[in-house]
């Protein structure tokens, strides 16, 4: 059914970050594309080998609060949070 768990994991990622001290009003960056080494491979089109690439499904502004990110669900903001 659909694309699997995708956005559900954003809630768990946020909960883990909050347990580590991040506040609900913390600012998250939401670039149009995010790439990280050491977190798997594949994802967005044109991804280099041994790189995890994530891009957003829509247009998002550069920075937003955790609350706004949970409401709008930008993929890259949560991918960057996982990488931290």
PDB file of N, CA and C in Angstrom:
ATOM      1  N   UNK A   1       0.850  -1.178   0.000  1.00  0.00           N
ATOM      2  CA  UNK A   1       0.000   0.000   0.000  1.00  0.00           C
ATOM      3  C   UNK A   1       0.889   1.232   0.000  1.00  0.00           C
ATOM      4  N   UNK A   2       0.946   1.948  -1.074  1.00  0.00           N
ATOM      5  CA  UNK A   2       1.724   3.185  -1.127  1.00  0.00           C
ATOM      6  C   UNK A   2       3.221   2.964  -1.033  1.00  0.00           C
ATOM      7  N   UNK A   3       3.904   3.908  -0.372  1.00  0.00           N
ATOM      8  CA  UNK A   3       5.363   3.892  -0.277  1.00  0.00           C
ATOM      9  C   UNK A   3       5.892   3.350   1.041  1.00  0.00           C
ATOM     10  N   UNK A   4       5.112   2.651   1.797  1.00  0.00           N
ATOM     11  CA  UNK A   4       5.599   2.093   3.050  1.00  0.00           C
ATOM     12  C   UNK A   4       5.524   3.087   4.195  1.00  0.00           C
ATOM     13  N   UNK A   5       6.425   2.921   5.140  1.00  0.00           N
ATOM     14  CA  UNK A   5       6.360   3.665   6.403  1.00  0.00           C
ATOM     15  C   UNK A   5       6.816   5.115   6.305  1.00  0.00           C
ATOM     16  N   UNK A   6       7.586   5.464   5.299  1.00  0.00           N
ATOM     17  CA  UNK A   6       8.096   6.809   5.049  1.00  0.00           C
ATOM     18  C   UNK A   6       7.910   7.853   6.131  1.00  0.00           C
ATOM     19  N   UNK A   7       6.845   8.615   6.061  1.00  0.00           N
ATOM     20  CA  UNK A   7       6.639   9.752   6.961  1.00  0.00           C
ATOM     21  C   UNK A   7       6.367   9.353   8.403  1.00  0.00           C
ATOM     22  N   UNK A   8       5.934   8.133   8.639  1.00  0.00           N
ATOM     23  CA  UNK A   8       5.732   7.676  10.025  1.00  0.00           C
ATOM     24  C   UNK A   8       7.057   7.714  10.783  1.00  0.00           C
ATOM     25  N   UNK A   9       8.154   7.395  10.110  1.00  0.00           N
ATOM     26  CA  UNK A   9       9.456   7.389  10.769  1.00  0.00           C
ATOM     27  C   UNK A   9       9.917   8.787  11.163  1.00  0.00           C
ATOM     28  N   UNK A  10       9.348   9.817  10.557  1.00  0.00           N
ATOM     29  CA  UNK A  10       9.703  11.186  10.926  1.00  0.00           C
ATOM     30  C   UNK A  10       9.313  11.467  12.377  1.00  0.00           C
ATOM     31  N   UNK A  11       8.220  10.894  12.824  1.00  0.00           N
ATOM     32  CA  UNK A  11       7.784  11.058  14.213  1.00  0.00           C
ATOM     33  C   UNK A  11       8.777  10.381  15.153  1.00  0.00           C
ATOM     34  N   UNK A  12       9.218   9.179  14.810  1.00  0.00           N
ATOM     35  CA  UNK A  12      10.182   8.460  15.650  1.00  0.00           C
ATOM     36  C   UNK A  12      11.543   9.156  15.650  1.00  0.00           C
ATOM     37  N   UNK A  13      11.951   9.685  14.503  1.00  0.00           N
ATOM     38  CA  UNK A  13      13.206  10.437  14.422  1.00  0.00           C
ATOM     39  C   UNK A  13      13.140  11.663  15.330  1.00  0.00           C
ATOM     40  N   UNK A  14      12.014  12.360  15.295  1.00  0.00           N
ATOM     41  CA  UNK A  14      11.829  13.535  16.148  1.00  0.00           C
ATOM     42  C   UNK A  14      11.844  13.151  17.622  1.00  0.00           C
ATOM     43  N   UNK A  15      11.160  12.076  17.973  1.00  0.00           N
ATOM     44  CA  UNK A  15      11.124  11.629  19.373  1.00  0.00           C
ATOM     45  C   UNK A  15      12.528  11.300  19.866  1.00  0.00           C
ATOM     46  N   UNK A  16      13.316  10.618  19.047  1.00  0.00           N
ATOM     47  CA  UNK A  16      14.688  10.276  19.437  1.00  0.00           C
ATOM     48  C   UNK A  16      15.528  11.539  19.615  1.00  0.00           C
ATOM     49  N   UNK A  17      15.378  12.505  18.718  1.00  0.00           N
ATOM     50  CA  UNK A  17      16.132  13.758  18.829  1.00  0.00           C
ATOM     51  C   UNK A  17      15.723  14.537  20.076  1.00  0.00           C
ATOM     52  N   UNK A  18      14.438  14.505  20.407  1.00  0.00           N
ATOM     53  CA  UNK A  18      13.970  15.205  21.610  1.00  0.00           C
ATOM     54  C   UNK A  18      14.492  14.528  22.872  1.00  0.00           C
ATOM     55  N   UNK A  19      14.581  13.211  22.855  1.00  0.00           N
ATOM     56  CA  UNK A  19      15.167  12.501  24.003  1.00  0.00           C
ATOM     57  C   UNK A  19      16.626  12.882  24.195  1.00  0.00           C
ATOM     58  N   UNK A  20      17.285  13.292  23.100  1.00  0.00           N
ATOM     59  CA  UNK A  20      18.686  13.693  23.165  1.00  0.00           C
ATOM     60  C   UNK A  20      18.836  15.188  23.423  1.00  0.00           C
ATOM     61  N   UNK A  21      17.712  15.888  23.685  1.00  0.00           N
ATOM     62  CA  UNK A  21      17.789  17.281  24.094  1.00  0.00           C
ATOM     63  C   UNK A  21      17.299  18.324  23.104  1.00  0.00           C
ATOM     64  N   UNK A  22      16.888  17.931  21.913  1.00  0.00           N
ATOM     65  CA  UNK A  22      16.388  18.905  20.953  1.00  0.00           C
ATOM     66  C   UNK A  22      15.013  19.404  21.396  1.00  0.00           C
ATOM     67  N   UNK A  23      14.789  20.694  21.321  1.00  0.00           N
ATOM     68  CA  UNK A  23      13.494  21.261  21.691  1.00  0.00           C
ATOM     69  C   UNK A  23      12.515  21.263  20.528  1.00  0.00           C
ATOM     70  N   UNK A  24      11.236  21.330  20.828  1.00  0.00           N
ATOM     71  CA  UNK A  24      10.196  21.302  19.803  1.00  0.00           C
ATOM     72  C   UNK A  24      10.237  22.542  18.912  1.00  0.00           C
ATOM     73  N   UNK A  25      10.807  23.645  19.410  1.00  0.00           N
ATOM     74  CA  UNK A  25      10.895  24.857  18.593  1.00  0.00           C
ATOM     75  C   UNK A  25      12.253  25.003  17.906  1.00  0.00           C
ATOM     76  N   UNK A  26      13.102  23.979  18.013  1.00  0.00           N
ATOM     77  CA  UNK A  26      14.401  24.002  17.331  1.00  0.00           C
ATOM     78  C   UNK A  26      14.186  24.185  15.832  1.00  0.00           C
ATOM     79  N   UNK A  27      15.150  24.796  15.181  1.00  0.00           N
ATOM     80  CA  UNK A  27      15.061  25.025  13.738  1.00  0.00           C
ATOM     81  C   UNK A  27      15.734  23.888  12.969  1.00  0.00           C
ATOM     82  N   UNK A  28      15.053  23.405  11.944  1.00  0.00           N
ATOM     83  CA  UNK A  28      15.588  22.368  11.064  1.00  0.00           C
ATOM     84  C   UNK A  28      15.758  22.958   9.672  1.00  0.00           C
ATOM     85  N   UNK A  29      16.858  22.623   9.029  1.00  0.00           N
ATOM     86  CA  UNK A  29      17.117  23.053   7.665  1.00  0.00           C
ATOM     87  C   UNK A  29      16.454  22.062   6.716  1.00  0.00           C
ATOM     88  N   UNK A  30      15.818  22.555   5.668  1.00  0.00           N
ATOM     89  CA  UNK A  30      15.138  21.689   4.698  1.00  0.00           C
ATOM     90  C   UNK A  30      15.592  22.033   3.281  1.00  0.00           C
ATOM     91  N   UNK A  31      16.839  21.666   2.930  1.00  0.00           N
ATOM     92  CA  UNK A  31      17.299  21.945   1.564  1.00  0.00           C
ATOM     93  C   UNK A  31      16.513  21.102   0.557  1.00  0.00           C
ATOM     94  N   UNK A  32      16.602  21.449  -0.710  1.00  0.00           N
ATOM     95  CA  UNK A  32      15.864  20.683  -1.718  1.00  0.00           C
ATOM     96  C   UNK A  32      16.421  19.271  -1.873  1.00  0.00           C
ATOM     97  N   UNK A  33      17.710  19.086  -1.560  1.00  0.00           N
ATOM     98  CA  UNK A  33      18.355  17.772  -1.656  1.00  0.00           C
ATOM     99  C   UNK A  33      19.372  17.640  -0.533  1.00  0.00           C
ATOM    100  N   UNK A  34      19.528  16.425  -0.018  1.00  0.00           N
ATOM    101  CA  UNK A  34      20.498  16.145   1.040  1.00  0.00           C
ATOM    102  C   UNK A  34      21.216  14.848   0.697  1.00  0.00           C
ATOM    103  N   UNK A  35      22.545  14.845   0.840  1.00  0.00           N
ATOM    104  CA  UNK A  35      23.354  13.654   0.589  1.00  0.00           C
ATOM    105  C   UNK A  35      24.225  13.378   1.803  1.00  0.00           C
ATOM    106  N   UNK A  36      24.356  12.091   2.157  1.00  0.00           N
ATOM    107  CA  UNK A  36      25.179  11.708   3.306  1.00  0.00           C
ATOM    108  C   UNK A  36      25.891  10.396   3.021  1.00  0.00           C
ATOM    109  N   UNK A  37      27.123  10.312   3.426  1.00  0.00           N
ATOM    110  CA  UNK A  37      27.898   9.070   3.340  1.00  0.00           C
ATOM    111  C   UNK A  37      27.736   8.316   4.652  1.00  0.00           C
ATOM    112  N   UNK A  38      27.811   6.990   4.587  1.00  0.00           N
ATOM    113  CA  UNK A  38      27.780   6.173   5.790  1.00  0.00           C
ATOM    114  C   UNK A  38      26.397   5.872   6.340  1.00  0.00           C
ATOM    115  N   UNK A  39      25.353   6.228   5.602  1.00  0.00           N
ATOM    116  CA  UNK A  39      23.985   5.964   6.063  1.00  0.00           C
ATOM    117  C   UNK A  39      23.216   5.093   5.074  1.00  0.00           C
ATOM    118  N   UNK A  40      23.935   4.356   4.263  1.00  0.00           N
ATOM    119  CA  UNK A  40      23.296   3.542   3.232  1.00  0.00           C
ATOM    120  C   UNK A  40      23.580   4.144   1.875  1.00  0.00           C
ATOM    121  N   UNK A  41      22.852   3.689   0.873  1.00  0.00           N
ATOM    122  CA  UNK A  41      23.066   4.212  -0.471  1.00  0.00           C
ATOM    123  C   UNK A  41      21.758   4.212  -1.244  1.00  0.00           C
ATOM    124  N   UNK A  42      21.741   5.032  -2.280  1.00  0.00           N
ATOM    125  CA  UNK A  42      20.572   5.097  -3.149  1.00  0.00           C
ATOM    126  C   UNK A  42      19.618   6.194  -2.754  1.00  0.00           C
ATOM    127  N   UNK A  43      18.474   6.150  -3.380  1.00  0.00           N
ATOM    128  CA  UNK A  43      17.447   7.146  -3.101  1.00  0.00           C
ATOM    129  C   UNK A  43      17.187   8.014  -4.304  1.00  0.00           C
ATOM    130  N   UNK A  44      17.456   9.294  -4.181  1.00  0.00           N
ATOM    131  CA  UNK A  44      17.152  10.262  -5.231  1.00  0.00           C
ATOM    132  C   UNK A  44      17.953   9.992  -6.502  1.00  0.00           C
ATOM    133  N   UNK A  45      17.386  10.379  -7.616  1.00  0.00           N
ATOM    134  CA  UNK A  45      18.028  10.220  -8.926  1.00  0.00           C
ATOM    135  C   UNK A  45      19.385  10.915  -8.957  1.00  0.00           C
ATOM    136  N   UNK A  46      20.364  10.292  -9.602  1.00  0.00           N
ATOM    137  CA  UNK A  46      21.691  10.876  -9.732  1.00  0.00           C
ATOM    138  C   UNK A  46      22.531  10.768  -8.477  1.00  0.00           C
ATOM    139  N   UNK A  47      22.210   9.826  -7.619  1.00  0.00           N
ATOM    140  CA  UNK A  47      22.922   9.669  -6.352  1.00  0.00           C
ATOM    141  C   UNK A  47      24.285   9.011  -6.588  1.00  0.00           C
ATOM    142  N   UNK A  48      25.377   9.605  -6.074  1.00  0.00           N
ATOM    143  CA  UNK A  48      26.701   8.995  -6.218  1.00  0.00           C
ATOM    144  C   UNK A  48      26.775   7.651  -5.488  1.00  0.00           C
ATOM    145  N   UNK A  49      27.712   6.785  -5.877  1.00  0.00           N
ATOM    146  CA  UNK A  49      27.875   5.497  -5.195  1.00  0.00           C
ATOM    147  C   UNK A  49      28.148   5.682  -3.696  1.00  0.00           C
ATOM    148  N   UNK A  50      27.669   4.740  -2.896  1.00  0.00           N
ATOM    149  CA  UNK A  50      27.889   4.709  -1.442  1.00  0.00           C
ATOM    150  C   UNK A  50      27.395   5.980  -0.750  1.00  0.00           C
ATOM    151  N   UNK A  51      26.355   6.576  -1.287  1.00  0.00           N
ATOM    152  CA  UNK A  51      25.798   7.809  -0.737  1.00  0.00           C
ATOM    153  C   UNK A  51      24.289   7.665  -0.601  1.00  0.00           C
ATOM    154  N   UNK A  52      23.748   8.153   0.499  1.00  0.00           N
ATOM    155  CA  UNK A  52      22.303   8.180   0.711  1.00  0.00           C
ATOM    156  C   UNK A  52      21.818   9.545   0.260  1.00  0.00           C
ATOM    157  N   UNK A  53      20.921   9.575  -0.695  1.00  0.00           N
ATOM    158  CA  UNK A  53      20.423  10.828  -1.262  1.00  0.00           C
ATOM    159  C   UNK A  53      18.926  10.948  -1.032  1.00  0.00           C
ATOM    160  N   UNK A  54      18.522  12.106  -0.555  1.00  0.00           N
ATOM    161  CA  UNK A  54      17.118  12.359  -0.244  1.00  0.00           C
ATOM    162  C   UNK A  54      16.735  13.692  -0.872  1.00  0.00           C
ATOM    163  N   UNK A  55      15.545  13.746  -1.441  1.00  0.00           N
ATOM    164  CA  UNK A  55      15.028  15.030  -1.907  1.00  0.00           C
ATOM    165  C   UNK A  55      13.579  15.172  -1.479  1.00  0.00           C
ATOM    166  N   UNK A  56      13.096  16.379  -1.509  1.00  0.00           N
ATOM    167  CA  UNK A  56      11.729  16.659  -1.079  1.00  0.00           C
ATOM    168  C   UNK A  56      10.733  16.414  -2.202  1.00  0.00           C
ATOM    169  N   UNK A  57       9.525  16.065  -1.829  1.00  0.00           N
ATOM    170  CA  UNK A  57       8.451  15.874  -2.801  1.00  0.00           C
ATOM    171  C   UNK A  57       7.814  17.211  -3.187  1.00  0.00           C
ATOM    172  N   UNK A  58       8.019  18.239  -2.385  1.00  0.00           N
ATOM    173  CA  UNK A  58       7.441  19.553  -2.663  1.00  0.00           C
ATOM    174  C   UNK A  58       8.459  20.649  -2.419  1.00  0.00           C
ATOM    175  N   UNK A  59       8.026  21.882  -2.523  1.00  0.00           N
ATOM    176  CA  UNK A  59       8.895  23.035  -2.269  1.00  0.00           C
ATOM    177  C   UNK A  59       8.752  23.470  -0.820  1.00  0.00           C
ATOM    178  N   UNK A  60       9.878  23.594  -0.132  1.00  0.00           N
ATOM    179  CA  UNK A  60       9.891  24.014   1.266  1.00  0.00           C
ATOM    180  C   UNK A  60      10.870  25.153   1.423  1.00  0.00           C
ATOM    181  N   UNK A  61      10.611  26.018   2.395  1.00  0.00           N
ATOM    182  CA  UNK A  61      11.563  27.088   2.680  1.00  0.00           C
ATOM    183  C   UNK A  61      12.783  26.482   3.372  1.00  0.00           C
ATOM    184  N   UNK A  62      13.856  27.228   3.494  1.00  0.00           N
ATOM    185  CA  UNK A  62      15.112  26.700   3.984  1.00  0.00           C
ATOM    186  C   UNK A  62      15.144  26.237   5.423  1.00  0.00           C
ATOM    187  N   UNK A  63      14.479  26.930   6.328  1.00  0.00           N
ATOM    188  CA  UNK A  63      14.546  26.591   7.740  1.00  0.00           C
ATOM    189  C   UNK A  63      13.148  26.665   8.339  1.00  0.00           C
ATOM    190  N   UNK A  64      12.855  25.725   9.242  1.00  0.00           N
ATOM    191  CA  UNK A  64      11.538  25.709   9.887  1.00  0.00           C
ATOM    192  C   UNK A  64      11.647  25.063  11.250  1.00  0.00           C
ATOM    193  N   UNK A  65      10.681  25.328  12.106  1.00  0.00           N
ATOM    194  CA  UNK A  65      10.667  24.718  13.437  1.00  0.00           C
ATOM    195  C   UNK A  65      10.332  23.234  13.314  1.00  0.00           C
ATOM    196  N   UNK A  66      10.642  22.492  14.350  1.00  0.00           N
ATOM    197  CA  UNK A  66      10.301  21.071  14.385  1.00  0.00           C
ATOM    198  C   UNK A  66       8.794  20.900  14.211  1.00  0.00           C
ATOM    199  N   UNK A  67       8.021  21.754  14.860  1.00  0.00           N
ATOM    200  CA  UNK A  67       6.561  21.694  14.743  1.00  0.00           C
ATOM    201  C   UNK A  67       6.119  21.857  13.294  1.00  0.00           C
ATOM    202  N   UNK A  68       6.671  22.864  12.603  1.00  0.00           N
ATOM    203  CA  UNK A  68       6.323  23.074  11.196  1.00  0.00           C
ATOM    204  C   UNK A  68       6.799  21.911  10.326  1.00  0.00           C
ATOM    205  N   UNK A  69       7.971  21.369  10.638  1.00  0.00           N
ATOM    206  CA  UNK A  69       8.483  20.232   9.866  1.00  0.00           C
ATOM    207  C   UNK A  69       7.581  19.010  10.027  1.00  0.00           C
ATOM    208  N   UNK A  70       7.102  18.771  11.234  1.00  0.00           N
ATOM    209  CA  UNK A  70       6.180  17.649  11.438  1.00  0.00           C
ATOM    210  C   UNK A  70       4.869  17.876  10.685  1.00  0.00           C
ATOM    211  N   UNK A  71       4.440  19.117  10.585  1.00  0.00           N
ATOM    212  CA  UNK A  71       3.184  19.429   9.894  1.00  0.00           C
ATOM    213  C   UNK A  71       3.312  19.341   8.376  1.00  0.00           C
ATOM    214  N   UNK A  72       4.484  19.712   7.833  1.00  0.00           N
ATOM    215  CA  UNK A  72       4.645  19.767   6.376  1.00  0.00           C
ATOM    216  C   UNK A  72       5.447  18.605   5.806  1.00  0.00           C
ATOM    217  N   UNK A  73       6.230  17.917   6.638  1.00  0.00           N
ATOM    218  CA  UNK A  73       6.914  16.669   6.288  1.00  0.00           C
ATOM    219  C   UNK A  73       7.989  16.748   5.198  1.00  0.00           C
ATOM    220  N   UNK A  74       8.920  17.717   5.264  1.00  0.00           N
ATOM    221  CA  UNK A  74      10.001  17.744   4.278  1.00  0.00           C
ATOM    222  C   UNK A  74      10.984  16.590   4.523  1.00  0.00           C
ATOM    223  N   UNK A  75      11.236  15.802   3.527  1.00  0.00           N
ATOM    224  CA  UNK A  75      12.116  14.638   3.667  1.00  0.00           C
ATOM    225  C   UNK A  75      13.525  15.014   4.108  1.00  0.00           C
ATOM    226  N   UNK A  76      14.079  16.080   3.511  1.00  0.00           N
ATOM    227  CA  UNK A  76      15.473  16.418   3.782  1.00  0.00           C
ATOM    228  C   UNK A  76      15.710  16.895   5.208  1.00  0.00           C
ATOM    229  N   UNK A  77      14.747  17.576   5.804  1.00  0.00           N
ATOM    230  CA  UNK A  77      14.914  18.040   7.185  1.00  0.00           C
ATOM    231  C   UNK A  77      15.106  16.855   8.122  1.00  0.00           C
ATOM    232  N   UNK A  78      14.334  15.804   7.914  1.00  0.00           N
ATOM    233  CA  UNK A  78      14.436  14.634   8.785  1.00  0.00           C
ATOM    234  C   UNK A  78      15.649  13.775   8.435  1.00  0.00           C
ATOM    235  N   UNK A  79      16.040  13.745   7.170  1.00  0.00           N
ATOM    236  CA  UNK A  79      17.259  13.032   6.786  1.00  0.00           C
ATOM    237  C   UNK A  79      18.471  13.683   7.445  1.00  0.00           C
ATOM    238  N   UNK A  80      18.505  15.021   7.456  1.00  0.00           N
ATOM    239  CA  UNK A  80      19.604  15.729   8.124  1.00  0.00           C
ATOM    240  C   UNK A  80      19.593  15.462   9.620  1.00  0.00           C
ATOM    241  N   UNK A  81      18.419  15.373  10.210  1.00  0.00           N
ATOM    242  CA  UNK A  81      18.296  15.078  11.638  1.00  0.00           C
ATOM    243  C   UNK A  81      18.837  13.682  11.938  1.00  0.00           C
ATOM    244  N   UNK A  82      18.532  12.712  11.093  1.00  0.00           N
ATOM    245  CA  UNK A  82      19.070  11.352  11.247  1.00  0.00           C
ATOM    246  C   UNK A  82      20.588  11.375  11.161  1.00  0.00           C
ATOM    247  N   UNK A  83      21.132  12.136  10.228  1.00  0.00           N
ATOM    248  CA  UNK A  83      22.583  12.193  10.029  1.00  0.00           C
ATOM    249  C   UNK A  83      23.309  12.804  11.220  1.00  0.00           C
ATOM    250  N   UNK A  84      22.611  13.648  11.998  1.00  0.00           N
ATOM    251  CA  UNK A  84      23.237  14.279  13.162  1.00  0.00           C
ATOM    252  C   UNK A  84      23.394  13.273  14.262  1.00  0.00           C
TER     253      UNK A  84
END
